[in-house]
Amino acid sequence: MQSIRIYEMPACKMVSSGTGMFGEKTFDIFDEWLSSQKRGLFPKDFLYWTGEGFVWLYMYEDGMNVPKEFEVIDFQGGLYAVATDIDQKTDREIMNVEIDRFLSENGFERDTSRSELGNIITSPLAKTIMGYEQMDYYFPIKSLRQSFCE
């Protein structure tokens, strides 16, 4: 059984929190706004680290009421290798070895021009039952077969 999957995210618009940290006013406002959005089948928010702080993204839909503090940005999309683990308990070293092995076996390599993303996939009910949250880790990738992607 494969524990890593390939996911293609479309180019789209995202609402961006801007760079910040959890516990800061802007992130609290973003969290409150995000939490007010209707929950769908899959989470629509993604987080990434810039080296100076986090950026929180949420998929934008036409007509969405976005607070003035936040910008709607163009998101490039693309291919990602996705692995799931327990939030804040992931052994990143082991995960990276598994990701790299999977990529080399399947004709992909990491795409360092884009940021790694993460999102919590656990519903509030499941978190209550399990006592923890699961997180999907998205690693940007590209094909080694250039003619295929052109």
Protein backbone atom coordinates (compact mmCIF):
# COMPACT_ATOMS: atom_id res chain seq x y z
CA MET A 1 0.00 0.00 0.00
CA GLN A 2 1.33 3.43 -0.91
CA SER A 3 1.26 6.00 1.87
CA ILE A 4 2.13 8.92 -0.41
CA ARG A 5 -0.22 10.27 -3.03
CA ILE A 6 0.12 12.75 -5.89
CA TYR A 7 -2.29 15.65 -5.89
CA GLU A 8 -2.68 18.31 -8.56
CA MET A 9 -3.83 21.66 -7.21
CA PRO A 10 -5.30 24.01 -9.78
CA ALA A 11 -4.11 27.57 -10.19
CA CYS A 12 -6.65 29.60 -8.24
CA LYS A 13 -7.23 32.62 -6.02
CA MET A 14 -6.47 32.35 -2.31
CA VAL A 15 -7.15 34.66 0.59
CA SER A 16 -3.82 35.28 2.34
CA SER A 17 -3.28 36.07 6.01
CA GLY A 18 0.07 37.64 5.22
CA THR A 19 3.13 36.58 7.21
CA GLY A 20 2.60 36.17 10.94
CA MET A 21 2.53 33.87 13.92
CA PHE A 22 -0.25 32.12 15.82
CA GLY A 23 -1.40 34.26 18.72
CA GLU A 24 -0.91 37.51 16.81
CA LYS A 25 -3.97 39.70 16.21
CA THR A 26 -4.00 39.29 12.41
CA PHE A 27 -3.76 35.49 12.66
CA ASP A 28 -6.55 35.46 15.26
CA ILE A 29 -8.75 37.52 12.90
CA PHE A 30 -7.90 35.16 10.01
CA ASP A 31 -8.69 32.11 12.16
CA GLU A 32 -12.02 33.58 13.22
CA TRP A 33 -12.92 34.43 9.60
CA LEU A 34 -11.79 31.01 8.33
CA SER A 35 -13.78 29.26 11.06
CA SER A 36 -16.92 31.11 9.95
CA GLN A 37 -16.69 29.60 6.44
CA LYS A 38 -18.93 26.65 5.63
CA ARG A 39 -17.07 23.39 6.16
CA GLY A 40 -16.88 21.26 3.00
CA LEU A 41 -15.84 17.74 2.17
CA PHE A 42 -12.15 18.74 2.23
CA PRO A 43 -10.34 21.53 4.08
CA LYS A 44 -9.70 24.62 1.95
CA ASP A 45 -6.97 26.18 4.08
CA PHE A 46 -3.23 25.72 3.75
CA LEU A 47 -0.31 26.91 5.83
CA TYR A 48 3.32 27.44 4.91
CA TRP A 49 6.47 28.73 6.57
CA THR A 50 8.40 31.63 5.00
CA GLY A 51 11.44 31.51 7.28
CA GLU A 52 10.11 34.57 9.09
CA GLY A 53 6.61 33.40 9.91
CA PHE A 54 3.61 31.49 8.65
CA VAL A 55 1.28 32.38 5.81
CA TRP A 56 -2.23 31.00 6.02
CA LEU A 57 -4.18 30.60 2.77
CA TYR A 58 -7.85 29.88 2.13
CA MET A 59 -9.36 29.06 -1.28
CA TYR A 60 -11.22 32.10 -2.56
CA GLU A 61 -14.66 31.78 -4.13
CA ASP A 62 -16.40 34.50 -6.15
CA GLY A 63 -18.58 36.69 -3.96
CA MET A 64 -16.74 35.75 -0.77
CA ASN A 65 -16.74 38.47 1.90
CA VAL A 66 -13.03 38.91 2.72
CA PRO A 67 -12.01 41.11 5.68
CA LYS A 68 -10.09 44.24 4.63
CA GLU A 69 -6.98 43.01 6.51
CA PHE A 70 -6.42 40.25 3.95
CA GLU A 71 -5.39 40.14 0.32
CA VAL A 72 -6.71 37.85 -2.42
CA ILE A 73 -3.68 36.45 -4.25
CA ASP A 74 -2.98 34.28 -7.28
CA PHE A 75 -1.94 30.76 -6.28
CA GLN A 76 0.22 28.94 -8.84
CA GLY A 77 -1.02 25.43 -8.11
CA GLY A 78 0.82 22.41 -9.51
CA LEU A 79 1.71 18.87 -8.54
CA TYR A 80 2.32 17.89 -4.92
CA ALA A 81 3.36 14.69 -3.18
CA VAL A 82 1.14 14.40 -0.11
CA ALA A 83 1.79 12.44 3.09
CA THR A 84 -0.35 12.28 6.23
CA ASP A 85 0.82 12.11 9.84
CA ILE A 86 -0.10 13.29 13.34
CA ASP A 87 0.13 17.08 13.66
CA GLN A 88 3.17 18.23 15.66
CA LYS A 89 4.47 14.66 16.09
CA THR A 90 5.83 14.06 12.59
CA ASP A 91 9.36 12.73 12.18
CA ARG A 92 10.27 14.98 9.24
CA GLU A 93 13.53 13.13 8.59
CA ILE A 94 11.75 9.80 8.05
CA MET A 95 9.00 11.50 6.03
CA ASN A 96 11.56 13.15 3.73
CA VAL A 97 13.30 9.82 3.09
CA GLU A 98 9.96 8.20 2.19
CA ILE A 99 8.95 11.13 -0.04
CA ASP A 100 12.30 11.15 -1.88
CA ARG A 101 12.16 7.37 -2.45
CA PHE A 102 8.60 7.61 -3.79
CA LEU A 103 9.52 10.50 -6.10
CA SER A 104 12.59 8.78 -7.57
CA GLU A 105 10.63 5.56 -8.15
CA ASN A 106 7.86 7.42 -9.98
CA GLY A 107 9.65 9.94 -12.19
CA PHE A 108 9.34 13.06 -10.03
CA GLU A 109 11.63 15.41 -8.16
CA ARG A 110 11.03 18.17 -5.63
CA ASP A 111 10.19 21.60 -7.01
CA THR A 112 12.04 24.04 -4.76
CA SER A 113 10.54 27.06 -6.55
CA ARG A 114 7.29 26.59 -4.60
CA SER A 115 6.59 26.35 -0.86
CA GLU A 116 5.67 23.20 1.03
CA LEU A 117 2.12 23.39 2.39
CA GLY A 118 0.24 21.75 5.20
CA ASN A 119 -3.33 21.48 6.34
CA ILE A 120 -5.23 19.85 9.17
CA ILE A 121 -7.65 17.28 7.76
CA THR A 122 -9.30 16.17 11.00
CA SER A 123 -12.86 17.27 11.72
CA PRO A 124 -13.62 18.63 15.20
CA LEU A 125 -15.62 15.47 15.98
CA ALA A 126 -12.77 13.15 14.94
CA LYS A 127 -10.29 15.22 16.99
CA THR A 128 -12.50 14.85 20.06
CA ILE A 129 -12.66 11.08 19.59
CA MET A 130 -8.96 10.53 18.71
CA GLY A 131 -7.44 13.21 20.91
CA TYR A 132 -5.20 14.54 18.13
CA GLU A 133 -5.33 15.97 14.62
CA GLN A 134 -3.99 14.53 11.39
CA MET A 135 -2.10 16.78 9.00
CA ASP A 136 -1.50 16.49 5.28
CA TYR A 137 1.97 17.62 4.21
CA TYR A 138 2.19 18.87 0.61
CA PHE A 139 5.61 18.74 -1.08
CA PRO A 140 5.77 20.59 -4.43
CA ILE A 141 7.07 18.34 -7.19
CA LYS A 142 7.72 18.32 -10.92
CA SER A 143 8.07 15.59 -13.48
CA LEU A 144 11.48 14.39 -14.60
CA ARG A 145 9.84 13.75 -17.97
CA GLN A 146 9.95 17.33 -19.28
CA SER A 147 8.18 16.56 -22.56
CA PHE A 148 5.16 15.32 -20.60
CA CYS A 149 4.73 18.60 -18.71
CA GLU A 150 5.30 21.01 -21.59
